[in-house]
Amino acid sequence: MPSLGRLLIIGYPLGHTLSPLMHNTAIGELGLPYHYEAEAVPPDGLAEALERFRVDEVVGFSVTIPHKETILPLLDVVDKETERLGAANTVVLADGRFVGTNTDGVGFLRSLTEDGSWDPEGRAAVVLGAGGAARAVAAHLALAGASSVVIANRTLSRAERLADDLARALGRQCFLPLPLEAPATADAIRQAECLINTTSVGMAGDPRLPVPAAWIEPHLMVCDIVYRPLETPLLEAARARGASTLDGLGMLIYQGAEAFRRWTGHEMPVGIVRMRLEEALAREEAEHS
């Protein structure tokens, strides 16, 4: 019996990731000869892990914190968009070479437009956070025609660096860095039409809000890329204030679907995958309630 093609997610620490369930559900539904698993790779073991993956002929792998930026110089090829973003979340082994790409922004934008029915063109958005996910989200909002993208972060210097990086890489001057806890950020959120949380605040039992509920107006579309829980404190507060909301499950699925297509050449059955993930998250919530 031929061996199964290996697919992985690497990060450190990995914790309990839904990616294996997502991809193995798709693989099983389509009857494909692959298996997807999680492998914790510490920062000082990244280079060694890649060489091992090359020898083992790993078909491809997902990349998560803290490797999205540090993996770039270790890859053989990086596509133009990923180079501009400065972070990769998906790697494919093609002709013996590791090819890096980034599907986070594509996944977020598809979720925003398809699940949230919200088009960024000509509209103002505020992104909370300045990490790898914020980088992809802010870039794709700009590429989709957003009129302005505020990047609000606790450490202003990180927001400034990200805004400068994106402006230079994309040739767009729509990025504005602001300190997270500032009156100017409150004003920016009230004047914007979309608010996106890319921080981990509100994840897995964390009761905090990334911004005060009073800053949220009913006209806002409020998104949280956190998917554990699906109803984060931010989304709960936003709904209570009459705003539209979008959870992070769509972004997880759609970025995964793009990676899946690149690895296997097949389209992910996203409806079935979403149902399985929602069931898993519901079981988790019931166990912890």
Foldseek 3Di string as FASTA:
>chain_A
DDAAAEEEEEEPPPPDDCLQVLLVVLCVVVVHRHHYYYDYADPVRVLVVVVVCLVVVHQKYFYDPPPFQVCVVSFPEEDLVSVLLNGFGIWGQDPSGTYTYHLLLVLVVCCCCPVVVDQQAAFEEEEEDQDSSSSSNQLSSVVSHHQAYEYEYQPQVSLVVSLVSSCVSVVDNRYHYDYQPDVVNLVSLLRGAEYEYPDCQQADPRQDDSHDLVSAALNHEYEYLHVRPQCGNNNVSNVVRNHHYGGNPSSVNRSSQVSSCVSPVDGGPSVSSVVVVVVVSVVVVVVVD
